[in-house]
C-alpha atoms as a PDB file:
ATOM      1  CA  GLN A   1      -2.310  16.541  11.230  1.00  0.00           C
ATOM      2  CA  VAL A   2      -2.299  13.657   8.348  1.00  0.00           C
ATOM      3  CA  GLN A   3      -4.451  10.711   8.373  1.00  0.00           C
ATOM      4  CA  LEU A   4      -3.861   7.666   6.044  1.00  0.00           C
ATOM      5  CA  VAL A   5      -6.956   5.140   6.295  1.00  0.00           C
ATOM      6  CA  GLU A   6      -6.715   1.766   4.074  1.00  0.00           C
ATOM      7  CA  SER A   7      -9.468  -0.369   2.978  1.00  0.00           C
ATOM      8  CA  GLY A   8      -9.821  -3.549   0.694  1.00  0.00           C
ATOM      9  CA  GLY A   9      -8.604  -6.155   2.490  1.00  0.00           C
ATOM     10  CA  GLY A  10     -10.433  -9.468   3.104  1.00  0.00           C
ATOM     11  CA  LEU A  11      -9.635 -13.333   2.453  1.00  0.00           C
ATOM     12  CA  VAL A  12      -9.098 -14.088  -0.943  1.00  0.00           C
ATOM     13  CA  GLN A  13      -7.969 -17.569  -2.867  1.00  0.00           C
ATOM     14  CA  PRO A  14      -4.451 -18.171  -4.060  1.00  0.00           C
ATOM     15  CA  GLY A  15      -4.460 -16.942  -7.693  1.00  0.00           C
ATOM     16  CA  GLY A  16      -6.850 -14.392  -7.205  1.00  0.00           C
ATOM     17  CA  SER A  17      -6.948 -10.470  -6.789  1.00  0.00           C
ATOM     18  CA  LEU A  18      -7.699  -7.682  -4.464  1.00  0.00           C
ATOM     19  CA  ARG A  19      -7.436  -3.966  -4.188  1.00  0.00           C
ATOM     20  CA  LEU A  20      -6.119  -1.707  -1.500  1.00  0.00           C
ATOM     21  CA  SER A  21      -6.723   1.905  -1.177  1.00  0.00           C
ATOM     22  CA  CYS A  22      -5.202   4.226   1.219  1.00  0.00           C
ATOM     23  CA  VAL A  23      -6.823   7.726   1.114  1.00  0.00           C
ATOM     24  CA  VAL A  24      -4.502  10.349   2.688  1.00  0.00           C
ATOM     25  CA  SER A  25      -7.000  13.484   5.059  1.00  0.00           C
ATOM     26  CA  GLY A  26      -5.499  16.236   6.776  1.00  0.00           C
ATOM     27  CA  SER A  27      -3.733  19.463   6.629  1.00  0.00           C
ATOM     28  CA  ILE A  28      -2.147  17.819   3.586  1.00  0.00           C
ATOM     29  CA  GLY A  29      -3.206  15.759   0.348  1.00  0.00           C
ATOM     30  CA  SER A  30      -1.700  12.887  -1.252  1.00  0.00           C
ATOM     31  CA  GLY A  31      -0.414  15.160  -4.242  1.00  0.00           C
ATOM     32  CA  SER A  32       2.100  16.773  -2.126  1.00  0.00           C
ATOM     33  CA  ILE A  33       3.139  13.859  -0.446  1.00  0.00           C
ATOM     34  CA  TYR A  34       6.357  12.977  -2.208  1.00  0.00           C
ATOM     35  CA  ARG A  35       6.513   9.166  -1.734  1.00  0.00           C
ATOM     36  CA  MET A  36       3.307   6.986  -1.024  1.00  0.00           C
ATOM     37  CA  GLY A  37       3.967   3.684  -0.558  1.00  0.00           C
ATOM     38  CA  TRP A  38       2.905   0.453   0.911  1.00  0.00           C
ATOM     39  CA  TYR A  39       4.352  -2.431   3.238  1.00  0.00           C
ATOM     40  CA  ARG A  40       3.397  -5.368   4.885  1.00  0.00           C
ATOM     41  CA  LYS A  41       3.978  -7.545   8.389  1.00  0.00           C
ATOM     42  CA  ALA A  42       3.359 -11.120   8.099  1.00  0.00           C
ATOM     43  CA  PRO A  43       2.510 -13.102  11.126  1.00  0.00           C
ATOM     44  CA  GLY A  44       6.211 -14.034  12.765  1.00  0.00           C
ATOM     45  CA  LYS A  45       8.087 -11.320  10.278  1.00  0.00           C
ATOM     46  CA  GLN A  46       9.563  -8.282  10.013  1.00  0.00           C
ATOM     47  CA  ARG A  47       7.575  -5.136   8.052  1.00  0.00           C
ATOM     48  CA  GLU A  48       8.779  -5.272   4.868  1.00  0.00           C
ATOM     49  CA  TRP A  49       8.536  -2.817   1.951  1.00  0.00           C
ATOM     50  CA  VAL A  50       6.364  -3.532  -0.976  1.00  0.00           C
ATOM     51  CA  VAL A  51       6.023  -0.810  -3.181  1.00  0.00           C
ATOM     52  CA  ASP A  52       6.293   2.916  -3.480  1.00  0.00           C
ATOM     53  CA  ILE A  53       5.548   5.947  -6.189  1.00  0.00           C
ATOM     54  CA  THR A  54       6.378   9.335  -5.958  1.00  0.00           C
ATOM     55  CA  THR A  55       5.225  12.367  -7.339  1.00  0.00           C
ATOM     56  CA  SER A  56       6.295  11.936 -10.786  1.00  0.00           C
ATOM     57  CA  GLY A  57       4.610   8.680 -11.302  1.00  0.00           C
ATOM     58  CA  ARG A  58       8.221   6.916 -10.778  1.00  0.00           C
ATOM     59  CA  THR A  59       7.395   3.658  -8.615  1.00  0.00           C
ATOM     60  CA  SER A  60       9.492   0.859  -7.657  1.00  0.00           C
ATOM     61  CA  TYR A  61       8.547  -2.693  -6.358  1.00  0.00           C
ATOM     62  CA  ALA A  62       9.775  -5.483  -4.363  1.00  0.00           C
ATOM     63  CA  ASP A  63      11.083  -8.604  -6.100  1.00  0.00           C
ATOM     64  CA  SER A  64       8.576 -10.647  -4.387  1.00  0.00           C
ATOM     65  CA  VAL A  65       5.942  -8.857  -5.742  1.00  0.00           C
ATOM     66  CA  LYS A  66       7.154  -7.431  -9.437  1.00  0.00           C
ATOM     67  CA  GLY A  67       4.807  -8.435 -12.268  1.00  0.00           C
ATOM     68  CA  ARG A  68       1.984  -8.915  -9.859  1.00  0.00           C
ATOM     69  CA  PHE A  69       1.335  -5.720  -7.282  1.00  0.00           C
ATOM     70  CA  THR A  70       0.460  -2.443  -9.250  1.00  0.00           C
ATOM     71  CA  ILE A  71       0.513   0.841  -7.419  1.00  0.00           C
ATOM     72  CA  SER A  72      -1.417   4.062  -8.249  1.00  0.00           C
ATOM     73  CA  ARG A  73      -1.908   7.274  -7.220  1.00  0.00           C
ATOM     74  CA  ASP A  74      -5.449   9.658  -7.557  1.00  0.00           C
ATOM     75  CA  ASN A  75      -4.360  12.847  -6.145  1.00  0.00           C
ATOM     76  CA  ALA A  76      -8.057  14.255  -7.042  1.00  0.00           C
ATOM     77  CA  LYS A  77      -9.141  11.859  -4.474  1.00  0.00           C
ATOM     78  CA  ASN A  78      -5.797  12.197  -2.568  1.00  0.00           C
ATOM     79  CA  THR A  79      -5.674   8.032  -2.902  1.00  0.00           C
ATOM     80  CA  VAL A  80      -3.531   5.443  -3.254  1.00  0.00           C
ATOM     81  CA  TYR A  81      -4.095   2.314  -4.863  1.00  0.00           C
ATOM     82  CA  LEU A  82      -2.574  -1.316  -4.333  1.00  0.00           C
ATOM     83  CA  GLN A  83      -3.743  -3.796  -7.151  1.00  0.00           C
ATOM     84  CA  MET A  84      -2.438  -6.890  -6.245  1.00  0.00           C
ATOM     85  CA  ASN A  85      -3.173 -10.077  -8.538  1.00  0.00           C
ATOM     86  CA  SER A  86      -1.959 -13.858  -9.028  1.00  0.00           C
ATOM     87  CA  LEU A  87      -2.246 -13.719  -5.234  1.00  0.00           C
ATOM     88  CA  LYS A  88      -0.027 -15.996  -3.432  1.00  0.00           C
ATOM     89  CA  PHE A  89      -0.279 -17.867   0.596  1.00  0.00           C
ATOM     90  CA  ASP A  90       2.912 -15.801   1.207  1.00  0.00           C
ATOM     91  CA  ASP A  91       1.127 -12.660   0.516  1.00  0.00           C
ATOM     92  CA  THR A  92      -0.847 -12.927   3.718  1.00  0.00           C
ATOM     93  CA  ALA A  93      -0.119 -10.079   6.144  1.00  0.00           C
ATOM     94  CA  VAL A  94      -1.453  -6.929   7.438  1.00  0.00           C
ATOM     95  CA  TYR A  95      -0.622  -3.935   4.582  1.00  0.00           C
ATOM     96  CA  TYR A  96       0.210  -1.004   5.722  1.00  0.00           C
ATOM     97  CA  CYS A  97       0.413   2.460   3.897  1.00  0.00           C
ATOM     98  CA  ASN A  98       2.689   5.164   3.816  1.00  0.00           C
ATOM     99  CA  GLY A  99       3.033   8.528   3.280  1.00  0.00           C
ATOM    100  CA  ALA A 100       6.753   9.877   3.136  1.00  0.00           C
ATOM    101  CA  PRO A 101       7.195  14.164   2.239  1.00  0.00           C
ATOM    102  CA  LEU A 102       9.898  15.437   1.762  1.00  0.00           C
ATOM    103  CA  ASP A 103      10.299  17.536   5.019  1.00  0.00           C
ATOM    104  CA  GLY A 104      11.573  13.855   6.739  1.00  0.00           C
ATOM    105  CA  LYS A 105       7.706  13.068   8.372  1.00  0.00           C
ATOM    106  CA  ASN A 106       6.219   9.781   8.023  1.00  0.00           C
ATOM    107  CA  TYR A 107       2.768   9.183   8.270  1.00  0.00           C
ATOM    108  CA  TRP A 108       1.081   5.364   8.468  1.00  0.00           C
ATOM    109  CA  GLY A 109      -2.136   3.915   8.790  1.00  0.00           C
ATOM    110  CA  GLN A 110      -3.997   1.602  10.339  1.00  0.00           C
ATOM    111  CA  GLY A 111      -3.367  -1.372   8.154  1.00  0.00           C
ATOM    112  CA  THR A 112      -5.895  -3.348   6.459  1.00  0.00           C
ATOM    113  CA  GLN A 113      -5.233  -7.291   6.534  1.00  0.00           C
ATOM    114  CA  VAL A 114      -4.453  -9.464   3.443  1.00  0.00           C
ATOM    115  CA  THR A 115      -5.498 -13.314   3.912  1.00  0.00           C
ATOM    116  CA  VAL A 116      -4.513 -15.404   1.136  1.00  0.00           C
ATOM    117  CA  SER A 117      -6.217 -18.851   1.639  1.00  0.00           C
ATOM    118  CA  SER A 118      -7.781 -21.966   0.011  1.00  0.00           C
END
């Protein structure tokens, strides 16, 4: 059993910053999960991929967040971070942490709300 728990969401003004955290616990640590990533779901829209990072540190970003968001992982703390800068109204969504090991399983957190509003 693997659990992912997100935190760090909240209300922020446009142009502001937030840092999301995703703590992995259970039978395996984050260092054993090949790809860790973040997805988001805005009201009335489908869930979309935002960013991910592999165990080797290779990162991939959606064009909409490139240059503003940064993903990192601290395997010693079983934690993945998402630093979000220059936030826009369109970044408002529930953000979900995802863990994808090489065995084909998929793990999800419960989500954390990010609201960008003036």
